[in-house]
PDB file of N, CA and C in Angstrom:
ATOM      1  N   MET A   1      55.153 131.815-104.886  1.00  0.00           N
ATOM      2  CA  MET A   1      55.215 131.030-102.979  1.00  0.00           C
ATOM      3  C   MET A   1      54.523 130.011-102.974  1.00  0.00           C
ATOM      4  N   GLY A   2      55.417 128.911-102.898  1.00  0.00           N
ATOM      5  CA  GLY A   2      54.628 127.751-102.458  1.00  0.00           C
ATOM      6  C   GLY A   2      54.613 127.161-100.934  1.00  0.00           C
ATOM      7  N   LEU A   3      53.462 126.275-100.703  1.00  0.00           N
ATOM      8  CA  LEU A   3      53.176 126.438 -99.325  1.00  0.00           C
ATOM      9  C   LEU A   3      54.391 126.191 -98.287  1.00  0.00           C
ATOM     10  N   PHE A   4      55.588 124.883 -99.113  1.00  0.00           N
ATOM     11  CA  PHE A   4      56.301 124.205 -98.772  1.00  0.00           C
ATOM     12  C   PHE A   4      57.985 124.938 -99.386  1.00  0.00           C
ATOM     13  N   LYS A   5      58.259 125.248 -98.605  1.00  0.00           N
ATOM     14  CA  LYS A   5      59.963 125.490 -99.673  1.00  0.00           C
ATOM     15  C   LYS A   5      61.196 124.113 -99.747  1.00  0.00           C
ATOM     16  N   ALA A   6      61.506 124.929-100.257  1.00  0.00           N
ATOM     17  CA  ALA A   6      62.813 122.889-100.812  1.00  0.00           C
ATOM     18  C   ALA A   6      63.622 123.279 -99.054  1.00  0.00           C
ATOM     19  N   ASP A   7      63.914 124.366 -98.297  1.00  0.00           N
ATOM     20  CA  ASP A   7      64.500 123.904 -96.738  1.00  0.00           C
ATOM     21  C   ASP A   7      63.727 123.261 -96.047  1.00  0.00           C
ATOM     22  N   TYR A   8      62.040 123.323 -95.796  1.00  0.00           N
ATOM     23  CA  TYR A   8      61.418 122.463 -95.297  1.00  0.00           C
ATOM     24  C   TYR A   8      61.989 120.644 -95.761  1.00  0.00           C
ATOM     25  N   PHE A   9      61.591 120.760 -96.854  1.00  0.00           N
ATOM     26  CA  PHE A   9      62.549 118.838 -97.171  1.00  0.00           C
ATOM     27  C   PHE A   9      63.163 118.628 -97.173  1.00  0.00           C
ATOM     28  N   ARG A  10      64.231 119.622 -97.146  1.00  0.00           N
ATOM     29  CA  ARG A  10      65.743 119.289 -96.642  1.00  0.00           C
ATOM     30  C   ARG A  10      65.789 119.113 -95.685  1.00  0.00           C
ATOM     31  N   PHE A  11      65.651 120.321 -94.397  1.00  0.00           N
ATOM     32  CA  PHE A  11      65.619 120.085 -93.325  1.00  0.00           C
ATOM     33  C   PHE A  11      64.553 118.944 -91.996  1.00  0.00           C
ATOM     34  N   PHE A  12      63.664 118.150 -93.141  1.00  0.00           N
ATOM     35  CA  PHE A  12      62.734 117.060 -92.648  1.00  0.00           C
ATOM     36  C   PHE A  12      63.818 116.067 -92.683  1.00  0.00           C
ATOM     37  N   THR A  13      64.257 115.911 -94.228  1.00  0.00           N
ATOM     38  CA  THR A  13      64.978 114.576 -94.522  1.00  0.00           C
ATOM     39  C   THR A  13      66.251 114.383 -93.623  1.00  0.00           C
ATOM     40  N   ILE A  14      66.975 115.754 -93.173  1.00  0.00           N
ATOM     41  CA  ILE A  14      67.876 115.296 -92.154  1.00  0.00           C
ATOM     42  C   ILE A  14      67.027 114.931 -90.706  1.00  0.00           C
ATOM     43  N   GLY A  15      66.510 115.580 -90.719  1.00  0.00           N
ATOM     44  CA  GLY A  15      65.700 115.124 -89.307  1.00  0.00           C
ATOM     45  C   GLY A  15      65.194 113.669 -88.951  1.00  0.00           C
ATOM     46  N   PHE A  16      65.094 113.279 -90.119  1.00  0.00           N
ATOM     47  CA  PHE A  16      64.882 111.860 -90.674  1.00  0.00           C
ATOM     48  C   PHE A  16      65.691 111.267 -90.311  1.00  0.00           C
ATOM     49  N   ALA A  17      66.499 111.548 -91.124  1.00  0.00           N
ATOM     50  CA  ALA A  17      68.152 110.822 -91.196  1.00  0.00           C
ATOM     51  C   ALA A  17      68.439 110.306 -89.607  1.00  0.00           C
ATOM     52  N   ALA A  18      68.488 111.448 -88.839  1.00  0.00           N
ATOM     53  CA  ALA A  18      69.265 111.445 -87.984  1.00  0.00           C
ATOM     54  C   ALA A  18      68.094 110.606 -86.523  1.00  0.00           C
ATOM     55  N   GLY A  19      67.291 110.961 -86.938  1.00  0.00           N
ATOM     56  CA  GLY A  19      66.354 110.105 -86.106  1.00  0.00           C
ATOM     57  C   GLY A  19      66.709 108.407 -86.005  1.00  0.00           C
ATOM     58  N   ALA A  20      66.315 108.280 -87.425  1.00  0.00           N
ATOM     59  CA  ALA A  20      66.830 106.608 -87.754  1.00  0.00           C
ATOM     60  C   ALA A  20      67.840 106.019 -87.123  1.00  0.00           C
ATOM     61  N   LEU A  21      69.030 107.387 -87.365  1.00  0.00           N
ATOM     62  CA  LEU A  21      70.052 106.964 -86.556  1.00  0.00           C
ATOM     63  C   LEU A  21      70.225 106.843 -85.511  1.00  0.00           C
ATOM     64  N   ILE A  22      69.583 107.434 -84.732  1.00  0.00           N
ATOM     65  CA  ILE A  22      69.114 107.404 -83.237  1.00  0.00           C
ATOM     66  C   ILE A  22      68.689 106.012 -83.046  1.00  0.00           C
ATOM     67  N   VAL A  23      67.499 106.009 -83.262  1.00  0.00           N
ATOM     68  CA  VAL A  23      66.748 104.301 -83.129  1.00  0.00           C
ATOM     69  C   VAL A  23      67.506 103.529 -83.317  1.00  0.00           C
ATOM     70  N   ALA A  24      68.459 103.327 -84.632  1.00  0.00           N
ATOM     71  CA  ALA A  24      69.419 102.336 -85.141  1.00  0.00           C
ATOM     72  C   ALA A  24      70.375 101.845 -83.844  1.00  0.00           C
ATOM     73  N   ALA A  25      71.068 103.002 -83.419  1.00  0.00           N
ATOM     74  CA  ALA A  25      71.894 102.904 -81.897  1.00  0.00           C
ATOM     75  C   ALA A  25      71.611 102.144 -80.476  1.00  0.00           C
ATOM     76  N   MET A  26      69.998 102.765 -80.925  1.00  0.00           N
ATOM     77  CA  MET A  26      69.171 102.842 -79.373  1.00  0.00           C
ATOM     78  C   MET A  26      69.569 101.063 -79.520  1.00  0.00           C
ATOM     79  N   GLN A  27      68.947 100.607 -80.911  1.00  0.00           N
ATOM     80  CA  GLN A  27      68.691  99.162 -80.779  1.00  0.00           C
ATOM     81  C   GLN A  27      69.811  98.327 -80.956  1.00  0.00           C
ATOM     82  N   SER A  28      71.095  98.893 -80.853  1.00  0.00           N
ATOM     83  CA  SER A  28      72.287  97.899 -80.537  1.00  0.00           C
ATOM     84  C   SER A  28      72.780  97.303 -79.118  1.00  0.00           C
ATOM     85  N   GLU A  29      72.960  96.220 -78.797  1.00  0.00           N
ATOM     86  CA  GLU A  29      73.170  95.370 -77.755  1.00  0.00           C
ATOM     87  C   GLU A  29      73.907  96.251 -77.265  1.00  0.00           C
ATOM     88  N   HIS A  30      75.196  97.198 -76.987  1.00  0.00           N
ATOM     89  CA  HIS A  30      75.589  97.612 -76.246  1.00  0.00           C
ATOM     90  C   HIS A  30      75.388  99.066 -76.032  1.00  0.00           C
ATOM     91  N   PHE A  31      74.746  99.455 -76.639  1.00  0.00           N
ATOM     92  CA  PHE A  31      74.439 101.118 -76.520  1.00  0.00           C
ATOM     93  C   PHE A  31      74.614 101.326 -75.614  1.00  0.00           C
ATOM     94  N   GLY A  32      72.830 100.771 -74.606  1.00  0.00           N
ATOM     95  CA  GLY A  32      72.427 101.089 -73.341  1.00  0.00           C
ATOM     96  C   GLY A  32      73.658 101.123 -72.361  1.00  0.00           C
ATOM     97  N   SER A  33      74.187  99.832 -72.205  1.00  0.00           N
ATOM     98  CA  SER A  33      74.804  99.272 -71.217  1.00  0.00           C
ATOM     99  C   SER A  33      76.086 100.369 -70.861  1.00  0.00           C
ATOM    100  N   ASP A  34      76.534 100.165 -72.219  1.00  0.00           N
ATOM    101  CA  ASP A  34      78.082 101.130 -71.965  1.00  0.00           C
ATOM    102  C   ASP A  34      77.786 102.756 -71.847  1.00  0.00           C
ATOM    103  N   LEU A  35      76.394 103.173 -72.376  1.00  0.00           N
ATOM    104  CA  LEU A  35      76.376 105.002 -71.544  1.00  0.00           C
ATOM    105  C   LEU A  35      76.030 104.959 -70.169  1.00  0.00           C
ATOM    106  N   ALA A  36      75.360 103.964 -70.265  1.00  0.00           N
ATOM    107  CA  ALA A  36      75.104 103.542 -68.324  1.00  0.00           C
ATOM    108  C   ALA A  36      76.151 103.437 -67.545  1.00  0.00           C
ATOM    109  N   ASN A  37      77.301 102.672 -67.784  1.00  0.00           N
ATOM    110  CA  ASN A  37      78.188 102.298 -67.254  1.00  0.00           C
ATOM    111  C   ASN A  37      79.468 103.415 -67.072  1.00  0.00           C
ATOM    112  N   GLY A  38      79.134 104.409 -68.374  1.00  0.00           N
ATOM    113  CA  GLY A  38      79.888 105.741 -68.150  1.00  0.00           C
ATOM    114  C   GLY A  38      79.387 106.828 -67.339  1.00  0.00           C
ATOM    115  N   VAL A  39      77.925 107.262 -67.065  1.00  0.00           N
ATOM    116  CA  VAL A  39      77.091 107.875 -66.641  1.00  0.00           C
ATOM    117  C   VAL A  39      76.761 107.388 -65.493  1.00  0.00           C
ATOM    118  N   VAL A  40      75.974 106.634 -64.936  1.00  0.00           N
ATOM    119  CA  VAL A  40      74.947 106.405 -63.841  1.00  0.00           C
ATOM    120  C   VAL A  40      76.020 105.287 -63.003  1.00  0.00           C
ATOM    121  N   PRO A  41      76.800 105.071 -61.610  1.00  0.00           N
ATOM    122  CA  PRO A  41      77.149 103.830 -60.942  1.00  0.00           C
ATOM    123  C   PRO A  41      76.193 102.748 -61.604  1.00  0.00           C
ATOM    124  N   PRO A  42      76.190 101.806 -60.489  1.00  0.00           N
ATOM    125  CA  PRO A  42      75.382 100.381 -60.818  1.00  0.00           C
ATOM    126  C   PRO A  42      74.753 100.554 -59.436  1.00  0.00           C
ATOM    127  N   ALA A  43      73.574 100.152 -59.425  1.00  0.00           N
ATOM    128  CA  ALA A  43      72.345 100.316 -58.289  1.00  0.00           C
ATOM    129  C   ALA A  43      72.732  99.110 -57.152  1.00  0.00           C
ATOM    130  N   GLU A  44      72.736  99.236 -56.128  1.00  0.00           N
ATOM    131  CA  GLU A  44      73.309  98.524 -54.751  1.00  0.00           C
ATOM    132  C   GLU A  44      72.036  98.264 -53.727  1.00  0.00           C
ATOM    133  N   ALA A  45      71.191  97.365 -53.812  1.00  0.00           N
ATOM    134  CA  ALA A  45      70.164  96.951 -52.950  1.00  0.00           C
ATOM    135  C   ALA A  45      70.880  96.973 -51.414  1.00  0.00           C
ATOM    136  N   ALA A  46      69.889  97.568 -50.538  1.00  0.00           N
ATOM    137  CA  ALA A  46      70.212  98.007 -49.186  1.00  0.00           C
ATOM    138  C   ALA A  46      69.662  96.935 -48.516  1.00  0.00           C
ATOM    139  N   PRO A  47      70.365  96.088 -47.757  1.00  0.00           N
ATOM    140  CA  PRO A  47      70.818  94.917 -46.711  1.00  0.00           C
ATOM    141  C   PRO A  47      69.365  94.921 -46.214  1.00  0.00           C
ATOM    142  N   ALA A  48      68.764  93.464 -45.651  1.00  0.00           N
ATOM    143  CA  ALA A  48      67.358  93.534 -45.343  1.00  0.00           C
ATOM    144  C   ALA A  48      67.457  93.352 -43.702  1.00  0.00           C
ATOM    145  N   GLN A  49      66.507  94.337 -43.241  1.00  0.00           N
ATOM    146  CA  GLN A  49      66.617  94.016 -41.587  1.00  0.00           C
ATOM    147  C   GLN A  49      65.722  93.178 -40.922  1.00  0.00           C
TER     148      GLN A  49
END
């Protein structure tokens, strides 16, 4: 019985790859704006009184 099983390394690799893809997608120019436009309406300031 080893300290780490093969599944540990497999899941670590899958998680690392998935995290790297998420980070790469977040670095894209249009990722945040496309996501925000579909979910959150644009903010509008109240008129000054």
